[in-house]
Amino acid sequence: MVVERTRAGLDAAKAQGCTGGRPTVITEDVLTVAKARRGKGESVTAIAEALGVSRATLYRHIG
C-alpha cells in the first residue's frame, strides 16, 4: 500500500511538470560546444576543465 501511494504521488507530480532528481549539468549549449571542441581534436580533459564538468560527465553525454 505504501508503494502504491508513493507511486501515485510521483505520477501526480510528474503530470504537473515536477521531476525529481538532481538537475543535469550539461545543457544543449554546453553539449554543442563540447562536441565542436572534440571535433577539432581537443582532449576530453581540457574540455572538461574549461567547461567545469568532470571527464566522466563528458564521456556520458558525448558518447
N, C-alpha and C. Protein backbone atom coordinates (compact mmCIF):
# COMPACT_ATOMS: atom_id res chain seq x y z
N MET A 1 0.82 -1.18 0.00
CA MET A 1 0.00 0.00 0.00
C MET A 1 0.88 1.27 0.00
N VAL A 2 1.98 1.22 0.72
CA VAL A 2 2.88 2.37 0.76
C VAL A 2 3.47 2.61 -0.63
N VAL A 3 3.86 1.55 -1.28
CA VAL A 3 4.45 1.66 -2.62
C VAL A 3 3.43 2.23 -3.60
N GLU A 4 2.21 1.77 -3.52
CA GLU A 4 1.16 2.26 -4.42
C GLU A 4 0.91 3.75 -4.24
N ARG A 5 0.84 4.19 -2.99
CA ARG A 5 0.58 5.61 -2.72
C ARG A 5 1.78 6.48 -3.12
N THR A 6 2.98 5.97 -2.89
CA THR A 6 4.17 6.70 -3.30
C THR A 6 4.19 6.85 -4.81
N ARG A 7 3.93 5.76 -5.50
CA ARG A 7 3.92 5.77 -6.97
C ARG A 7 2.85 6.74 -7.49
N ALA A 8 1.68 6.71 -6.85
CA ALA A 8 0.60 7.61 -7.27
C ALA A 8 1.01 9.07 -7.07
N GLY A 9 1.66 9.38 -5.97
CA GLY A 9 2.12 10.73 -5.71
C GLY A 9 3.16 11.18 -6.71
N LEU A 10 4.10 10.31 -7.05
CA LEU A 10 5.12 10.64 -8.04
C LEU A 10 4.51 10.85 -9.42
N ASP A 11 3.56 10.01 -9.77
CA ASP A 11 2.87 10.15 -11.06
C ASP A 11 2.08 11.45 -11.12
N ALA A 12 1.43 11.81 -10.02
CA ALA A 12 0.67 13.06 -9.98
C ALA A 12 1.61 14.26 -10.11
N ALA A 13 2.73 14.21 -9.45
CA ALA A 13 3.70 15.30 -9.54
C ALA A 13 4.25 15.42 -10.96
N LYS A 14 4.52 14.30 -11.59
CA LYS A 14 5.03 14.30 -12.95
C LYS A 14 4.01 14.89 -13.91
N ALA A 15 2.72 14.59 -13.68
CA ALA A 15 1.66 15.13 -14.53
C ALA A 15 1.60 16.66 -14.41
N GLN A 16 2.01 17.19 -13.27
CA GLN A 16 2.01 18.64 -13.06
C GLN A 16 3.32 19.28 -13.51
N GLY A 17 4.25 18.48 -14.00
CA GLY A 17 5.50 19.01 -14.53
C GLY A 17 6.67 18.97 -13.57
N CYS A 18 6.51 18.40 -12.42
CA CYS A 18 7.60 18.31 -11.45
C CYS A 18 8.38 17.02 -11.68
N THR A 19 9.68 17.14 -11.71
CA THR A 19 10.51 15.95 -11.85
C THR A 19 11.48 15.90 -10.68
N GLY A 20 11.79 14.72 -10.25
CA GLY A 20 12.71 14.55 -9.14
C GLY A 20 14.13 14.35 -9.62
N GLY A 21 15.03 14.30 -8.68
CA GLY A 21 16.42 14.01 -9.02
C GLY A 21 17.27 15.26 -9.16
N ARG A 22 18.53 15.01 -9.33
CA ARG A 22 19.49 16.10 -9.45
C ARG A 22 19.43 16.70 -10.85
N PRO A 23 19.48 18.03 -10.97
CA PRO A 23 19.45 18.65 -12.29
C PRO A 23 20.73 18.34 -13.07
N THR A 24 20.61 18.26 -14.38
CA THR A 24 21.76 17.95 -15.21
C THR A 24 22.67 19.17 -15.36
N VAL A 25 23.95 18.92 -15.48
CA VAL A 25 24.93 19.99 -15.63
C VAL A 25 25.08 20.34 -17.11
N ILE A 26 24.91 19.36 -17.95
CA ILE A 26 25.12 19.54 -19.38
C ILE A 26 23.83 20.02 -20.03
N THR A 27 23.84 21.26 -20.53
CA THR A 27 22.71 21.77 -21.30
C THR A 27 23.00 21.54 -22.78
N GLU A 28 22.05 21.86 -23.63
CA GLU A 28 22.25 21.68 -25.06
C GLU A 28 23.38 22.57 -25.57
N ASP A 29 23.47 23.79 -25.04
CA ASP A 29 24.53 24.71 -25.46
C ASP A 29 25.91 24.19 -25.09
N VAL A 30 26.04 23.71 -23.87
CA VAL A 30 27.33 23.18 -23.40
C VAL A 30 27.70 21.94 -24.20
N LEU A 31 26.72 21.11 -24.50
CA LEU A 31 26.98 19.89 -25.28
C LEU A 31 27.44 20.23 -26.69
N THR A 32 26.83 21.24 -27.29
CA THR A 32 27.23 21.67 -28.63
C THR A 32 28.67 22.17 -28.63
N VAL A 33 29.01 22.97 -27.64
CA VAL A 33 30.38 23.48 -27.52
C VAL A 33 31.36 22.33 -27.33
N ALA A 34 31.02 21.40 -26.46
CA ALA A 34 31.90 20.26 -26.18
C ALA A 34 32.12 19.41 -27.43
N LYS A 35 31.05 19.16 -28.17
CA LYS A 35 31.19 18.35 -29.39
C LYS A 35 32.02 19.07 -30.44
N ALA A 36 31.85 20.37 -30.55
CA ALA A 36 32.64 21.14 -31.53
C ALA A 36 34.12 21.11 -31.16
N ARG A 37 34.40 21.30 -29.88
CA ARG A 37 35.80 21.28 -29.44
C ARG A 37 36.41 19.89 -29.60
N ARG A 38 35.61 18.86 -29.36
CA ARG A 38 36.10 17.49 -29.52
C ARG A 38 36.36 17.19 -30.99
N GLY A 39 35.50 17.73 -31.86
CA GLY A 39 35.68 17.56 -33.30
C GLY A 39 36.95 18.20 -33.83
N LYS A 40 37.40 19.25 -33.14
CA LYS A 40 38.64 19.92 -33.53
C LYS A 40 39.87 19.19 -33.01
N GLY A 41 39.66 18.14 -32.21
CA GLY A 41 40.77 17.34 -31.73
C GLY A 41 41.23 17.66 -30.33
N GLU A 42 40.50 18.50 -29.62
CA GLU A 42 40.89 18.85 -28.25
C GLU A 42 40.61 17.67 -27.32
N SER A 43 41.44 17.52 -26.30
CA SER A 43 41.29 16.38 -25.40
C SER A 43 40.07 16.57 -24.50
N VAL A 44 39.52 15.46 -24.06
CA VAL A 44 38.36 15.48 -23.18
C VAL A 44 38.72 16.14 -21.85
N THR A 45 39.92 15.92 -21.37
CA THR A 45 40.36 16.51 -20.11
C THR A 45 40.36 18.04 -20.20
N ALA A 46 40.89 18.57 -21.29
CA ALA A 46 40.94 20.02 -21.47
C ALA A 46 39.54 20.61 -21.60
N ILE A 47 38.67 19.94 -22.32
CA ILE A 47 37.29 20.41 -22.49
C ILE A 47 36.58 20.40 -21.14
N ALA A 48 36.75 19.33 -20.39
CA ALA A 48 36.09 19.20 -19.09
C ALA A 48 36.54 20.31 -18.15
N GLU A 49 37.81 20.60 -18.11
CA GLU A 49 38.32 21.66 -17.25
C GLU A 49 37.77 23.02 -17.67
N ALA A 50 37.70 23.26 -18.98
CA ALA A 50 37.22 24.55 -19.48
C ALA A 50 35.73 24.75 -19.18
N LEU A 51 34.96 23.67 -19.26
CA LEU A 51 33.51 23.77 -19.05
C LEU A 51 33.10 23.58 -17.60
N GLY A 52 34.02 23.14 -16.76
CA GLY A 52 33.72 22.96 -15.34
C GLY A 52 32.91 21.72 -15.03
N VAL A 53 33.11 20.67 -15.81
CA VAL A 53 32.44 19.39 -15.56
C VAL A 53 33.50 18.30 -15.50
N SER A 54 33.10 17.12 -15.08
CA SER A 54 34.05 16.03 -15.00
C SER A 54 34.20 15.34 -16.36
N ARG A 55 35.29 14.62 -16.50
CA ARG A 55 35.51 13.86 -17.74
C ARG A 55 34.43 12.82 -17.92
N ALA A 56 34.03 12.17 -16.82
CA ALA A 56 33.00 11.13 -16.89
C ALA A 56 31.69 11.70 -17.42
N THR A 57 31.35 12.91 -16.99
CA THR A 57 30.12 13.56 -17.48
C THR A 57 30.21 13.79 -18.97
N LEU A 58 31.34 14.27 -19.44
CA LEU A 58 31.50 14.50 -20.88
C LEU A 58 31.41 13.20 -21.65
N TYR A 59 32.10 12.18 -21.19
CA TYR A 59 32.05 10.89 -21.89
C TYR A 59 30.62 10.35 -21.93
N ARG A 60 29.86 10.56 -20.85
CA ARG A 60 28.49 10.07 -20.79
C ARG A 60 27.61 10.77 -21.83
N HIS A 61 27.84 12.06 -22.06
CA HIS A 61 26.98 12.81 -22.96
C HIS A 61 27.47 12.83 -24.41
N ILE A 62 28.78 12.78 -24.59
CA ILE A 62 29.32 12.82 -25.96
C ILE A 62 29.21 11.46 -26.63
N GLY A 63 29.42 10.41 -25.85
CA GLY A 63 29.25 9.09 -26.42
C GLY A 63 30.47 8.33 -26.55
